[in-house]
Amino acid sequence: MKKVQVCFRLFIVESGNKYITFAMKFSEVLRKLLRDGWFVQRQEGSHLIMRHPMKKGQIVMTNHGRMEMGKGLENKILKAAGLKMLI
């Protein structure tokens, strides 16, 4: 396999005519949310409940540090935070 592009720990690896993407770490998604203005309102066990001063709703995400997050969960959290564009 040949490495094609690296962008914020999103690795795209070319394998024949397929592209394989690897998910981000929990800490990287948390860092993105904090930079956007989200703050941790409270924590229950390993779950962080986050709010934003200007945006509606809340985000509940687990905090597993350096473990990689599933791509679907990553997309769901970023979409709920308004950081992912719909295509």
C-alpha atoms as a PDB file:
ATOM      1  CA  MET A   1       0.000   0.000   0.000  1.00  0.00           C
ATOM      2  CA  LYS A   2       1.153   3.500  -0.788  1.00  0.00           C
ATOM      3  CA  LYS A   3       0.436   6.503   1.447  1.00  0.00           C
ATOM      4  CA  VAL A   4      -1.243   9.216  -0.594  1.00  0.00           C
ATOM      5  CA  GLN A   5      -2.270  12.091   1.674  1.00  0.00           C
ATOM      6  CA  VAL A   6      -2.137  13.045   5.350  1.00  0.00           C
ATOM      7  CA  CYS A   7      -4.531  15.628   6.776  1.00  0.00           C
ATOM      8  CA  PHE A   8      -5.063  16.047  10.560  1.00  0.00           C
ATOM      9  CA  ARG A   9      -4.517  12.338  11.270  1.00  0.00           C
ATOM     10  CA  LEU A  10      -6.993  11.385   8.577  1.00  0.00           C
ATOM     11  CA  PHE A  11      -4.911   8.968   6.586  1.00  0.00           C
ATOM     12  CA  ILE A  12      -5.999   8.084   3.109  1.00  0.00           C
ATOM     13  CA  VAL A  13      -4.205   5.012   1.862  1.00  0.00           C
ATOM     14  CA  GLU A  14      -4.458   3.841  -1.711  1.00  0.00           C
ATOM     15  CA  SER A  15      -4.923   0.102  -2.038  1.00  0.00           C
ATOM     16  CA  GLY A  16      -5.545  -0.783  -5.658  1.00  0.00           C
ATOM     17  CA  ASN A  17      -8.533   1.329  -6.649  1.00  0.00           C
ATOM     18  CA  LYS A  18      -9.921   1.654  -3.092  1.00  0.00           C
ATOM     19  CA  TYR A  19      -9.267   4.333  -0.501  1.00  0.00           C
ATOM     20  CA  ILE A  20      -9.157   3.393   3.179  1.00  0.00           C
ATOM     21  CA  THR A  21      -9.655   6.114   5.787  1.00  0.00           C
ATOM     22  CA  PHE A  22      -8.767   5.862   9.465  1.00  0.00           C
ATOM     23  CA  ALA A  23     -10.753   7.677  12.117  1.00  0.00           C
ATOM     24  CA  MET A  24      -9.539  10.397  14.458  1.00  0.00           C
ATOM     25  CA  LYS A  25      -8.741   9.896  18.124  1.00  0.00           C
ATOM     26  CA  PHE A  26     -11.211  10.914  20.843  1.00  0.00           C
ATOM     27  CA  SER A  27      -8.793  13.584  22.066  1.00  0.00           C
ATOM     28  CA  GLU A  28      -8.573  15.122  18.570  1.00  0.00           C
ATOM     29  CA  VAL A  29     -12.367  15.367  18.227  1.00  0.00           C
ATOM     30  CA  LEU A  30     -12.558  16.891  21.723  1.00  0.00           C
ATOM     31  CA  ARG A  31      -9.864  19.423  20.765  1.00  0.00           C
ATOM     32  CA  LYS A  32     -11.864  20.395  17.639  1.00  0.00           C
ATOM     33  CA  LEU A  33     -15.001  20.944  19.706  1.00  0.00           C
ATOM     34  CA  LEU A  34     -13.177  23.038  22.327  1.00  0.00           C
ATOM     35  CA  ARG A  35     -11.621  25.236  19.615  1.00  0.00           C
ATOM     36  CA  ASP A  36     -15.089  25.829  18.168  1.00  0.00           C
ATOM     37  CA  GLY A  37     -16.342  27.160  21.509  1.00  0.00           C
ATOM     38  CA  TRP A  38     -17.948  24.064  23.043  1.00  0.00           C
ATOM     39  CA  PHE A  39     -17.335  23.612  26.766  1.00  0.00           C
ATOM     40  CA  VAL A  40     -17.752  20.677  29.131  1.00  0.00           C
ATOM     41  CA  GLN A  41     -20.865  21.333  31.195  1.00  0.00           C
ATOM     42  CA  ARG A  42     -20.511  18.184  33.283  1.00  0.00           C
ATOM     43  CA  GLN A  43     -19.017  14.717  33.210  1.00  0.00           C
ATOM     44  CA  GLU A  44     -20.700  11.454  34.168  1.00  0.00           C
ATOM     45  CA  GLY A  45     -18.167   8.634  34.262  1.00  0.00           C
ATOM     46  CA  SER A  46     -16.355   8.649  30.931  1.00  0.00           C
ATOM     47  CA  HIS A  47     -19.096  10.653  29.184  1.00  0.00           C
ATOM     48  CA  LEU A  48     -18.645  14.375  28.587  1.00  0.00           C
ATOM     49  CA  ILE A  49     -21.774  16.502  28.222  1.00  0.00           C
ATOM     50  CA  MET A  50     -20.855  19.577  26.191  1.00  0.00           C
ATOM     51  CA  ARG A  51     -22.706  22.801  25.395  1.00  0.00           C
ATOM     52  CA  HIS A  52     -22.040  25.807  23.182  1.00  0.00           C
ATOM     53  CA  PRO A  53     -22.942  29.377  24.199  1.00  0.00           C
ATOM     54  CA  MET A  54     -24.436  30.248  20.777  1.00  0.00           C
ATOM     55  CA  LYS A  55     -25.544  26.917  19.268  1.00  0.00           C
ATOM     56  CA  LYS A  56     -28.566  24.891  20.319  1.00  0.00           C
ATOM     57  CA  GLY A  57     -28.473  21.477  21.935  1.00  0.00           C
ATOM     58  CA  GLN A  58     -25.804  19.467  23.650  1.00  0.00           C
ATOM     59  CA  ILE A  59     -23.289  16.830  22.649  1.00  0.00           C
ATOM     60  CA  VAL A  60     -22.637  13.710  24.678  1.00  0.00           C
ATOM     61  CA  MET A  61     -19.381  11.985  23.846  1.00  0.00           C
ATOM     62  CA  THR A  62     -17.162   9.489  25.562  1.00  0.00           C
ATOM     63  CA  ASN A  63     -13.648  10.401  26.624  1.00  0.00           C
ATOM     64  CA  HIS A  64     -11.287   7.556  25.791  1.00  0.00           C
ATOM     65  CA  GLY A  65      -8.252   9.758  25.121  1.00  0.00           C
ATOM     66  CA  ARG A  66      -5.904   8.313  22.543  1.00  0.00           C
ATOM     67  CA  MET A  67      -8.160   5.477  21.345  1.00  0.00           C
ATOM     68  CA  GLU A  68      -9.477   5.850  17.822  1.00  0.00           C
ATOM     69  CA  MET A  69     -13.122   6.728  17.388  1.00  0.00           C
ATOM     70  CA  GLY A  70     -15.303   4.931  14.854  1.00  0.00           C
ATOM     71  CA  LYS A  71     -15.860   6.878  11.652  1.00  0.00           C
ATOM     72  CA  GLY A  72     -19.653   6.856  12.075  1.00  0.00           C
ATOM     73  CA  LEU A  73     -19.494   8.207  15.628  1.00  0.00           C
ATOM     74  CA  GLU A  74     -16.987  10.855  14.548  1.00  0.00           C
ATOM     75  CA  ASN A  75     -19.303  11.993  11.737  1.00  0.00           C
ATOM     76  CA  LYS A  76     -22.318  12.046  14.078  1.00  0.00           C
ATOM     77  CA  ILE A  77     -20.563  14.202  16.695  1.00  0.00           C
ATOM     78  CA  LEU A  78     -19.101  16.657  14.165  1.00  0.00           C
ATOM     79  CA  LYS A  79     -22.451  16.936  12.368  1.00  0.00           C
ATOM     80  CA  ALA A  80     -24.268  17.625  15.671  1.00  0.00           C
ATOM     81  CA  ALA A  81     -21.691  20.315  16.465  1.00  0.00           C
ATOM     82  CA  GLY A  82     -22.177  21.949  13.067  1.00  0.00           C
ATOM     83  CA  LEU A  83     -18.582  21.273  12.022  1.00  0.00           C
ATOM     84  CA  LYS A  84     -19.318  18.819   9.218  1.00  0.00           C
ATOM     85  CA  MET A  85     -20.796  19.956   5.939  1.00  0.00           C
ATOM     86  CA  LEU A  86     -23.560  17.878   4.393  1.00  0.00           C
ATOM     87  CA  ILE A  87     -22.756  16.643   0.914  1.00  0.00           C
END
